[in-house]
Amino acid sequence: MEVILSHDVANLGKAGEVVKVKDGFARNYLIPRQVAMAATKENLKNAAKVKAKAVELYEVKRKAAEAEAEKLGKISCTITVEVNDQEKLYGAVSETDILNALEQEGFKAGRHDLVLEKPVSELGIFEIGVKLHPDVTGKFRLWVTKK
């Protein structure tokens, strides 16, 4: 069955796209939740409007995320940790610690939004990424110092 998506659906498509799905998935999940509508001639005409609106909304959100990334680039957080005699950390700096330090600077993010290339397990200065939008990732500096 072909349906027109009215909202973005992960692993399926974006709003306004015509996708082919199994009949049961469309009838039992997508259409009752108003996530999609049947691909009739009339609905296909309206799909262009829905897609244009979705593209416009996507661009607005992307621009807002770029402004947010610019603010995030000015943030610098410090985390103090205990170290041993060779100045090695006992473990690693957790995502929760990073998020708490970021929240103290006035920026709120979710755990899944953090982009860590590798665990922070030593003293120093690190660039930490935060996914703000599918196309925009902001970065801030994280200073890890000893107590």
Protein backbone atom coordinates (compact mmCIF):
# COMPACT_ATOMS: atom_id res chain seq x y z
CA MET A 1 0.00 0.00 0.00
CA GLU A 2 1.27 3.47 -0.80
CA VAL A 3 0.87 6.17 1.80
CA ILE A 4 1.82 9.82 2.08
CA LEU A 5 3.65 10.66 5.28
CA SER A 6 2.33 13.67 7.17
CA HIS A 7 5.17 13.54 9.76
CA ASP A 8 8.77 12.39 9.68
CA VAL A 9 9.04 8.69 10.52
CA ALA A 10 12.40 7.19 11.46
CA ASN A 11 13.66 4.58 8.98
CA LEU A 12 10.72 5.25 6.67
CA GLY A 13 10.79 8.80 5.29
CA LYS A 14 10.14 12.48 5.76
CA ALA A 15 6.87 14.37 5.75
CA GLY A 16 5.28 14.68 2.30
CA GLU A 17 7.02 11.64 0.82
CA VAL A 18 5.08 8.82 -0.80
CA VAL A 19 6.30 5.48 0.54
CA LYS A 20 5.24 1.89 0.03
CA VAL A 21 4.51 -0.03 3.24
CA LYS A 22 2.73 -3.24 4.16
CA ASP A 23 -1.05 -2.95 4.30
CA GLY A 24 -1.30 -3.90 7.98
CA PHE A 25 1.34 -1.35 9.04
CA ALA A 26 -0.52 1.40 7.21
CA ARG A 27 -4.01 0.44 8.42
CA ASN A 28 -3.12 -0.44 12.02
CA TYR A 29 -0.37 2.05 12.84
CA LEU A 30 0.29 4.90 10.42
CA ILE A 31 -3.22 5.96 9.42
CA PRO A 32 -4.92 5.70 12.89
CA ARG A 33 -2.14 7.79 14.45
CA GLN A 34 -2.46 10.32 11.60
CA VAL A 35 1.19 9.87 10.70
CA ALA A 36 0.23 9.01 7.13
CA MET A 37 -2.72 9.05 4.76
CA ALA A 38 -3.65 6.82 1.84
CA ALA A 39 -2.10 7.84 -1.47
CA THR A 40 -5.28 8.77 -3.34
CA LYS A 41 -5.37 11.27 -6.22
CA GLU A 42 -6.77 13.99 -3.96
CA ASN A 43 -4.23 13.31 -1.22
CA LEU A 44 -1.37 13.32 -3.71
CA LYS A 45 -2.33 16.87 -4.70
CA ASN A 46 -2.27 17.92 -1.04
CA ALA A 47 1.04 16.12 -0.50
CA ALA A 48 2.90 18.84 -2.39
CA LYS A 49 1.59 21.42 0.08
CA VAL A 50 2.51 19.23 3.04
CA LYS A 51 5.99 18.65 1.68
CA ALA A 52 6.56 22.37 1.04
CA LYS A 53 5.45 23.16 4.58
CA ALA A 54 7.72 20.43 5.97
CA VAL A 55 10.72 21.74 4.02
CA GLU A 56 10.05 25.26 5.27
CA LEU A 57 9.76 24.05 8.88
CA TYR A 58 12.94 21.99 8.49
CA GLU A 59 14.86 25.06 7.32
CA VAL A 60 13.53 27.18 10.19
CA LYS A 61 14.62 24.54 12.70
CA ARG A 62 18.03 24.23 11.02
CA LYS A 63 18.62 27.99 11.21
CA ALA A 64 17.60 28.00 14.88
CA ALA A 65 20.00 25.12 15.51
CA GLU A 66 22.82 27.02 13.77
CA ALA A 67 22.22 30.01 16.05
CA GLU A 68 22.21 27.65 19.02
CA ALA A 69 25.49 26.10 17.82
CA GLU A 70 27.07 29.54 17.68
CA LYS A 71 26.08 30.16 21.33
CA LEU A 72 27.35 26.71 22.26
CA GLY A 73 30.73 27.45 20.67
CA LYS A 74 31.30 30.23 23.23
CA ILE A 75 30.75 27.90 26.18
CA SER A 76 33.66 26.45 28.13
CA CYS A 77 33.02 23.98 30.96
CA THR A 78 35.38 22.73 33.65
CA ILE A 79 35.20 19.39 35.44
CA THR A 80 37.54 18.64 38.33
CA VAL A 81 38.39 14.99 38.94
CA GLU A 82 40.54 12.98 41.32
CA VAL A 83 43.75 11.56 39.88
CA ASN A 84 46.44 9.17 41.10
CA ASP A 85 50.19 9.85 41.52
CA GLN A 86 50.83 9.59 37.76
CA GLU A 87 47.98 12.06 37.14
CA LYS A 88 45.72 9.43 35.58
CA LEU A 89 41.98 9.53 36.18
CA TYR A 90 40.20 6.92 38.23
CA GLY A 91 37.91 5.81 35.40
CA ALA A 92 36.54 8.29 32.88
CA VAL A 93 34.42 11.43 32.88
CA SER A 94 30.84 10.24 32.38
CA GLU A 95 28.26 11.71 30.03
CA THR A 96 26.22 12.72 33.07
CA ASP A 97 29.15 14.76 34.43
CA ILE A 98 29.53 16.50 31.07
CA LEU A 99 25.79 17.24 30.86
CA ASN A 100 25.74 18.60 34.43
CA ALA A 101 28.69 20.90 33.67
CA LEU A 102 26.98 22.05 30.48
CA GLU A 103 23.73 22.68 32.35
CA GLN A 104 25.56 24.84 34.89
CA GLU A 105 26.61 27.03 31.96
CA GLY A 106 22.95 27.44 31.00
CA PHE A 107 22.74 24.99 28.09
CA LYS A 108 20.50 21.94 28.32
CA ALA A 109 21.05 18.85 26.18
CA GLY A 110 20.11 15.19 26.27
CA ARG A 111 22.42 12.26 26.83
CA HIS A 112 21.88 10.97 23.30
CA ASP A 113 22.75 14.37 21.83
CA LEU A 114 26.38 14.22 22.99
CA VAL A 115 28.91 13.30 20.32
CA LEU A 116 31.99 11.82 21.98
CA GLU A 117 34.69 10.47 19.68
CA LYS A 118 36.28 8.57 22.57
CA PRO A 119 35.78 8.46 26.34
CA VAL A 120 37.29 11.37 28.28
CA SER A 121 39.80 9.50 30.42
CA GLU A 122 42.68 11.96 30.87
CA LEU A 123 43.37 15.52 31.91
CA GLY A 124 43.25 18.20 29.24
CA ILE A 125 41.03 20.25 26.95
CA PHE A 126 38.49 18.47 24.75
CA GLU A 127 36.10 19.51 21.99
CA ILE A 128 32.73 17.91 22.73
CA GLY A 129 30.01 17.85 20.09
CA VAL A 130 26.29 18.25 20.72
CA LYS A 131 23.83 17.20 18.00
CA LEU A 132 21.31 20.03 17.76
CA HIS A 133 19.68 19.08 14.44
CA PRO A 134 20.22 16.31 11.89
CA ASP A 135 22.42 18.71 9.90
CA VAL A 136 23.92 20.79 12.74
CA THR A 137 26.37 19.74 15.45
CA GLY A 138 27.64 22.38 17.86
CA LYS A 139 30.88 22.07 19.81
CA PHE A 140 32.05 23.38 23.17
CA ARG A 141 35.28 23.13 25.14
CA LEU A 142 35.57 20.86 28.14
CA TRP A 143 38.46 21.36 30.56
CA VAL A 144 39.26 18.33 32.71
CA THR A 145 41.46 19.37 35.67
CA LYS A 146 42.66 17.67 38.83
CA LYS A 147 41.39 18.51 42.31
